[in-house]
Structures are given as C-alpha cells and as structure tokens.
Amino acid sequence: MQYLIRQFKDSTGHIHIDIEKARNNETLSIVEAESKEEALKVYKTQQYLMSVAEKLKKSRSEQND
C-alpha cells in the first residue's frame, strides 16, 4: 500500500502533516518539475524508461534460459 505524506509549515511556523492513502486502483509518483506540463513530461519519460528496462531484463532472462 502506498501513502502520500505532505508536510508544510504555515505562516505561524506550525508544521502540518497530512497523510493520504492511495486507492487500490492508483499509484503515487513524485517528480521534480517547474510546471504541471513539465511534471507530466518527466513522469512519461520515467515510465518509458522503466518499460524499456523491464523489456531488456526480460530479454536477457530469456537468453539465459
């Protein structure tokens, strides 16, 4: 199970923590970006690279069999 934990400090210096549980049909990802558009590009690039890595791993595994 994944949880998103947000922490921020308000103008009085009080620290607030919010914990949100991911639903069963969703995953949570954090990316560094300057805008929503850039965040989406970074996320899609990460997903693509992970997909390629999985395919390479599977291919190498099949070659060793």
PDB file of N, CA and C in Angstrom:
ATOM      1  N   MET A   1       0.852  -1.183   0.000  1.00  0.00           N
ATOM      2  CA  MET A   1       0.000   0.000   0.000  1.00  0.00           C
ATOM      3  C   MET A   1       0.890   1.235   0.000  1.00  0.00           C
ATOM      4  N   GLN A   2       0.475   2.242  -0.743  1.00  0.00           N
ATOM      5  CA  GLN A   2       1.225   3.493  -0.800  1.00  0.00           C
ATOM      6  C   GLN A   2       0.492   4.592  -0.033  1.00  0.00           C
ATOM      7  N   TYR A   3       1.280   5.475   0.556  1.00  0.00           N
ATOM      8  CA  TYR A   3       0.740   6.632   1.252  1.00  0.00           C
ATOM      9  C   TYR A   3       1.472   7.871   0.774  1.00  0.00           C
ATOM     10  N   LEU A   4       0.747   8.953   0.620  1.00  0.00           N
ATOM     11  CA  LEU A   4       1.342  10.243   0.300  1.00  0.00           C
ATOM     12  C   LEU A   4       1.359  11.050   1.593  1.00  0.00           C
ATOM     13  N   ILE A   5       2.525  11.487   1.980  1.00  0.00           N
ATOM     14  CA  ILE A   5       2.664  12.274   3.207  1.00  0.00           C
ATOM     15  C   ILE A   5       3.100  13.680   2.826  1.00  0.00           C
ATOM     16  N   ARG A   6       2.253  14.649   3.121  1.00  0.00           N
ATOM     17  CA  ARG A   6       2.548  16.055   2.835  1.00  0.00           C
ATOM     18  C   ARG A   6       2.879  16.741   4.145  1.00  0.00           C
ATOM     19  N   GLN A   7       3.913  17.546   4.113  1.00  0.00           N
ATOM     20  CA  GLN A   7       4.294  18.320   5.297  1.00  0.00           C
ATOM     21  C   GLN A   7       4.549  19.754   4.853  1.00  0.00           C
ATOM     22  N   PHE A   8       3.959  20.696   5.574  1.00  0.00           N
ATOM     23  CA  PHE A   8       4.219  22.099   5.268  1.00  0.00           C
ATOM     24  C   PHE A   8       4.183  22.922   6.546  1.00  0.00           C
ATOM     25  N   LYS A   9       4.827  24.072   6.492  1.00  0.00           N
ATOM     26  CA  LYS A   9       4.875  24.981   7.629  1.00  0.00           C
ATOM     27  C   LYS A   9       4.021  26.203   7.281  1.00  0.00           C
ATOM     28  N   ASP A  10       3.076  26.542   8.144  1.00  0.00           N
ATOM     29  CA  ASP A  10       2.234  27.705   7.880  1.00  0.00           C
ATOM     30  C   ASP A  10       2.942  28.996   8.307  1.00  0.00           C
ATOM     31  N   SER A  11       2.272  30.115   8.120  1.00  0.00           N
ATOM     32  CA  SER A  11       2.890  31.420   8.383  1.00  0.00           C
ATOM     33  C   SER A  11       3.236  31.636   9.854  1.00  0.00           C
ATOM     34  N   THR A  12       2.613  30.863  10.747  1.00  0.00           N
ATOM     35  CA  THR A  12       2.926  30.988  12.175  1.00  0.00           C
ATOM     36  C   THR A  12       4.076  30.078  12.589  1.00  0.00           C
ATOM     37  N   GLY A  13       4.557  29.258  11.643  1.00  0.00           N
ATOM     38  CA  GLY A  13       5.634  28.344  11.941  1.00  0.00           C
ATOM     39  C   GLY A  13       5.177  26.959  12.372  1.00  0.00           C
ATOM     40  N   HIS A  14       3.858  26.775  12.458  1.00  0.00           N
ATOM     41  CA  HIS A  14       3.321  25.472  12.844  1.00  0.00           C
ATOM     42  C   HIS A  14       3.452  24.499  11.675  1.00  0.00           C
ATOM     43  N   ILE A  15       3.946  23.291  11.954  1.00  0.00           N
ATOM     44  CA  ILE A  15       4.107  22.269  10.917  1.00  0.00           C
ATOM     45  C   ILE A  15       2.859  21.400  10.863  1.00  0.00           C
ATOM     46  N   HIS A  16       2.324  21.244   9.652  1.00  0.00           N
ATOM     47  CA  HIS A  16       1.147  20.413   9.410  1.00  0.00           C
ATOM     48  C   HIS A  16       1.569  19.194   8.612  1.00  0.00           C
ATOM     49  N   ILE A  17       1.015  18.050   8.965  1.00  0.00           N
ATOM     50  CA  ILE A  17       1.295  16.815   8.239  1.00  0.00           C
ATOM     51  C   ILE A  17      -0.033  16.198   7.830  1.00  0.00           C
ATOM     52  N   ASP A  18      -0.144  15.873   6.541  1.00  0.00           N
ATOM     53  CA  ASP A  18      -1.339  15.244   6.003  1.00  0.00           C
ATOM     54  C   ASP A  18      -0.917  13.914   5.383  1.00  0.00           C
ATOM     55  N   ILE A  19      -1.613  12.842   5.736  1.00  0.00           N
ATOM     56  CA  ILE A  19      -1.305  11.520   5.203  1.00  0.00           C
ATOM     57  C   ILE A  19      -2.517  11.033   4.418  1.00  0.00           C
ATOM     58  N   GLU A  20      -2.274  10.675   3.159  1.00  0.00           N
ATOM     59  CA  GLU A  20      -3.344  10.231   2.283  1.00  0.00           C
ATOM     60  C   GLU A  20      -3.006   8.852   1.729  1.00  0.00           C
ATOM     61  N   LYS A  21      -3.909   7.914   1.887  1.00  0.00           N
ATOM     62  CA  LYS A  21      -3.715   6.554   1.397  1.00  0.00           C
ATOM     63  C   LYS A  21      -4.125   6.485  -0.071  1.00  0.00           C
ATOM     64  N   ALA A  22      -3.273   5.869  -0.894  1.00  0.00           N
ATOM     65  CA  ALA A  22      -3.623   5.684  -2.303  1.00  0.00           C
ATOM     66  C   ALA A  22      -4.772   4.683  -2.403  1.00  0.00           C
ATOM     67  N   ARG A  23      -5.634   4.911  -3.359  1.00  0.00           N
ATOM     68  CA  ARG A  23      -6.722   3.964  -3.588  1.00  0.00           C
ATOM     69  C   ARG A  23      -6.154   2.695  -4.218  1.00  0.00           C
ATOM     70  N   ASN A  24      -6.947   1.642  -4.233  1.00  0.00           N
ATOM     71  CA  ASN A  24      -6.485   0.365  -4.785  1.00  0.00           C
ATOM     72  C   ASN A  24      -6.134   0.449  -6.263  1.00  0.00           C
ATOM     73  N   ASN A  25      -6.755   1.363  -6.987  1.00  0.00           N
ATOM     74  CA  ASN A  25      -6.537   1.449  -8.433  1.00  0.00           C
ATOM     75  C   ASN A  25      -5.624   2.609  -8.830  1.00  0.00           C
ATOM     76  N   GLU A  26      -4.816   3.121  -7.918  1.00  0.00           N
ATOM     77  CA  GLU A  26      -3.917   4.223  -8.253  1.00  0.00           C
ATOM     78  C   GLU A  26      -2.549   4.036  -7.621  1.00  0.00           C
ATOM     79  N   THR A  27      -1.568   4.686  -8.227  1.00  0.00           N
ATOM     80  CA  THR A  27      -0.225   4.724  -7.665  1.00  0.00           C
ATOM     81  C   THR A  27       0.181   6.184  -7.536  1.00  0.00           C
ATOM     82  N   LEU A  28       1.097   6.465  -6.647  1.00  0.00           N
ATOM     83  CA  LEU A  28       1.556   7.823  -6.413  1.00  0.00           C
ATOM     84  C   LEU A  28       2.994   7.951  -6.888  1.00  0.00           C
ATOM     85  N   SER A  29       3.299   9.045  -7.565  1.00  0.00           N
ATOM     86  CA  SER A  29       4.652   9.307  -8.043  1.00  0.00           C
ATOM     87  C   SER A  29       5.002  10.755  -7.731  1.00  0.00           C
ATOM     88  N   ILE A  30       6.258  10.986  -7.423  1.00  0.00           N
ATOM     89  CA  ILE A  30       6.761  12.331  -7.165  1.00  0.00           C
ATOM     90  C   ILE A  30       7.822  12.629  -8.217  1.00  0.00           C
ATOM     91  N   VAL A  31       7.714  13.778  -8.861  1.00  0.00           N
ATOM     92  CA  VAL A  31       8.719  14.205  -9.843  1.00  0.00           C
ATOM     93  C   VAL A  31       9.099  15.653  -9.564  1.00  0.00           C
ATOM     94  N   GLU A  32      10.332  16.007  -9.924  1.00  0.00           N
ATOM     95  CA  GLU A  32      10.799  17.386  -9.813  1.00  0.00           C
ATOM     96  C   GLU A  32      10.487  18.090 -11.116  1.00  0.00           C
ATOM     97  N   ALA A  33       9.779  19.223 -11.054  1.00  0.00           N
ATOM     98  CA  ALA A  33       9.430  19.972 -12.259  1.00  0.00           C
ATOM     99  C   ALA A  33       9.049  21.399 -11.885  1.00  0.00           C
ATOM    100  N   GLU A  34       9.081  22.263 -12.890  1.00  0.00           N
ATOM    101  CA  GLU A  34       8.725  23.675 -12.689  1.00  0.00           C
ATOM    102  C   GLU A  34       7.256  23.967 -13.009  1.00  0.00           C
ATOM    103  N   SER A  35       6.565  23.009 -13.663  1.00  0.00           N
ATOM    104  CA  SER A  35       5.161  23.221 -14.029  1.00  0.00           C
ATOM    105  C   SER A  35       4.461  21.867 -14.139  1.00  0.00           C
ATOM    106  N   LYS A  36       3.135  21.892 -14.224  1.00  0.00           N
ATOM    107  CA  LYS A  36       2.375  20.659 -14.405  1.00  0.00           C
ATOM    108  C   LYS A  36       2.745  19.985 -15.719  1.00  0.00           C
ATOM    109  N   GLU A  37       2.920  20.807 -16.756  1.00  0.00           N
ATOM    110  CA  GLU A  37       3.262  20.273 -18.073  1.00  0.00           C
ATOM    111  C   GLU A  37       4.611  19.563 -18.032  1.00  0.00           C
ATOM    112  N   GLU A  38       5.593  20.203 -17.401  1.00  0.00           N
ATOM    113  CA  GLU A  38       6.909  19.589 -17.281  1.00  0.00           C
ATOM    114  C   GLU A  38       6.838  18.330 -16.419  1.00  0.00           C
ATOM    115  N   ALA A  39       6.044  18.363 -15.361  1.00  0.00           N
ATOM    116  CA  ALA A  39       5.896  17.200 -14.488  1.00  0.00           C
ATOM    117  C   ALA A  39       5.353  16.011 -15.274  1.00  0.00           C
ATOM    118  N   LEU A  40       4.387  16.262 -16.136  1.00  0.00           N
ATOM    119  CA  LEU A  40       3.820  15.183 -16.942  1.00  0.00           C
ATOM    120  C   LEU A  40       4.863  14.619 -17.910  1.00  0.00           C
ATOM    121  N   LYS A  41       5.658  15.493 -18.522  1.00  0.00           N
ATOM    122  CA  LYS A  41       6.719  15.033 -19.435  1.00  0.00           C
ATOM    123  C   LYS A  41       7.743  14.189 -18.680  1.00  0.00           C
ATOM    124  N   VAL A  42       8.144  14.647 -17.504  1.00  0.00           N
ATOM    125  CA  VAL A  42       9.119  13.907 -16.703  1.00  0.00           C
ATOM    126  C   VAL A  42       8.544  12.546 -16.327  1.00  0.00           C
ATOM    127  N   TYR A  43       7.296  12.527 -15.894  1.00  0.00           N
ATOM    128  CA  TYR A  43       6.641  11.280 -15.499  1.00  0.00           C
ATOM    129  C   TYR A  43       6.570  10.301 -16.665  1.00  0.00           C
ATOM    130  N   LYS A  44       6.134  10.791 -17.828  1.00  0.00           N
ATOM    131  CA  LYS A  44       6.032   9.917 -19.001  1.00  0.00           C
ATOM    132  C   LYS A  44       7.396   9.382 -19.412  1.00  0.00           C
ATOM    133  N   THR A  45       8.423  10.213 -19.321  1.00  0.00           N
ATOM    134  CA  THR A  45       9.777   9.769 -19.653  1.00  0.00           C
ATOM    135  C   THR A  45      10.223   8.682 -18.685  1.00  0.00           C
ATOM    136  N   GLN A  46       9.968   8.875 -17.404  1.00  0.00           N
ATOM    137  CA  GLN A  46      10.331   7.872 -16.405  1.00  0.00           C
ATOM    138  C   GLN A  46       9.609   6.552 -16.670  1.00  0.00           C
ATOM    139  N   GLN A  47       8.326   6.629 -16.994  1.00  0.00           N
ATOM    140  CA  GLN A  47       7.549   5.421 -17.268  1.00  0.00           C
ATOM    141  C   GLN A  47       8.088   4.698 -18.498  1.00  0.00           C
ATOM    142  N   TYR A  48       8.444   5.456 -19.523  1.00  0.00           N
ATOM    143  CA  TYR A  48       9.004   4.872 -20.741  1.00  0.00           C
ATOM    144  C   TYR A  48      10.325   4.171 -20.437  1.00  0.00           C
ATOM    145  N   LEU A  49      11.201   4.840 -19.703  1.00  0.00           N
ATOM    146  CA  LEU A  49      12.499   4.254 -19.373  1.00  0.00           C
ATOM    147  C   LEU A  49      12.341   2.989 -18.522  1.00  0.00           C
ATOM    148  N   MET A  50      11.405   2.997 -17.608  1.00  0.00           N
ATOM    149  CA  MET A  50      11.161   1.804 -16.798  1.00  0.00           C
ATOM    150  C   MET A  50      10.643   0.662 -17.668  1.00  0.00           C
ATOM    151  N   SER A  51       9.816   0.981 -18.646  1.00  0.00           N
ATOM    152  CA  SER A  51       9.295  -0.019 -19.573  1.00  0.00           C
ATOM    153  C   SER A  51      10.424  -0.637 -20.393  1.00  0.00           C
ATOM    154  N   VAL A  52      11.314   0.199 -20.901  1.00  0.00           N
ATOM    155  CA  VAL A  52      12.457  -0.283 -21.678  1.00  0.00           C
ATOM    156  C   VAL A  52      13.350  -1.168 -20.807  1.00  0.00           C
ATOM    157  N   ALA A  53      13.600  -0.745 -19.582  1.00  0.00           N
ATOM    158  CA  ALA A  53      14.438  -1.523 -18.666  1.00  0.00           C
ATOM    159  C   ALA A  53      13.821  -2.893 -18.400  1.00  0.00           C
ATOM    160  N   GLU A  54      12.509  -2.957 -18.219  1.00  0.00           N
ATOM    161  CA  GLU A  54      11.832  -4.232 -17.980  1.00  0.00           C
ATOM    162  C   GLU A  54      11.948  -5.143 -19.198  1.00  0.00           C
ATOM    163  N   LYS A  55      11.803  -4.566 -20.399  1.00  0.00           N
ATOM    164  CA  LYS A  55      11.920  -5.359 -21.624  1.00  0.00           C
ATOM    165  C   LYS A  55      13.334  -5.915 -21.770  1.00  0.00           C
ATOM    166  N   LEU A  56      14.346  -5.101 -21.467  1.00  0.00           N
ATOM    167  CA  LEU A  56      15.733  -5.573 -21.531  1.00  0.00           C
ATOM    168  C   LEU A  56      15.974  -6.689 -20.525  1.00  0.00           C
ATOM    169  N   LYS A  57      15.444  -6.516 -19.333  1.00  0.00           N
ATOM    170  CA  LYS A  57      15.598  -7.525 -18.286  1.00  0.00           C
ATOM    171  C   LYS A  57      14.950  -8.839 -18.717  1.00  0.00           C
ATOM    172  N   LYS A  58      13.762  -8.744 -19.288  1.00  0.00           N
ATOM    173  CA  LYS A  58      13.049  -9.940 -19.751  1.00  0.00           C
ATOM    174  C   LYS A  58      13.815 -10.603 -20.887  1.00  0.00           C
ATOM    175  N   SER A  59      14.321  -9.801 -21.809  1.00  0.00           N
ATOM    176  CA  SER A  59      15.076 -10.325 -22.947  1.00  0.00           C
ATOM    177  C   SER A  59      16.327 -11.059 -22.481  1.00  0.00           C
ATOM    178  N   ARG A  60      17.057 -10.490 -21.556  1.00  0.00           N
ATOM    179  CA  ARG A  60      18.266 -11.125 -21.025  1.00  0.00           C
ATOM    180  C   ARG A  60      17.924 -12.418 -20.295  1.00  0.00           C
ATOM    181  N   SER A  61      16.826 -12.404 -19.580  1.00  0.00           N
ATOM    182  CA  SER A  61      16.390 -13.598 -18.849  1.00  0.00           C
ATOM    183  C   SER A  61      16.069 -14.720 -19.826  1.00  0.00           C
ATOM    184  N   GLU A  62      15.396 -14.400 -20.915  1.00  0.00           N
ATOM    185  CA  GLU A  62      15.037 -15.403 -21.919  1.00  0.00           C
ATOM    186  C   GLU A  62      16.274 -15.938 -22.626  1.00  0.00           C
ATOM    187  N   GLN A  63      17.285 -15.102 -22.830  1.00  0.00           N
ATOM    188  CA  GLN A  63      18.520 -15.531 -23.484  1.00  0.00           C
ATOM    189  C   GLN A  63      19.298 -16.496 -22.600  1.00  0.00           C
ATOM    190  N   ASN A  64      19.198 -16.330 -21.293  1.00  0.00           N
ATOM    191  CA  ASN A  64      19.915 -17.197 -20.354  1.00  0.00           C
ATOM    192  C   ASN A  64      19.237 -18.538 -20.158  1.00  0.00           C
ATOM    193  N   ASP A  65      17.989 -18.654 -20.577  1.00  0.00           N
ATOM    194  CA  ASP A  65      17.240 -19.926 -20.410  1.00  0.00           C
ATOM    195  C   ASP A  65      17.604 -20.935 -21.459  1.00  0.00           C
TER     196      ASP A  65
END
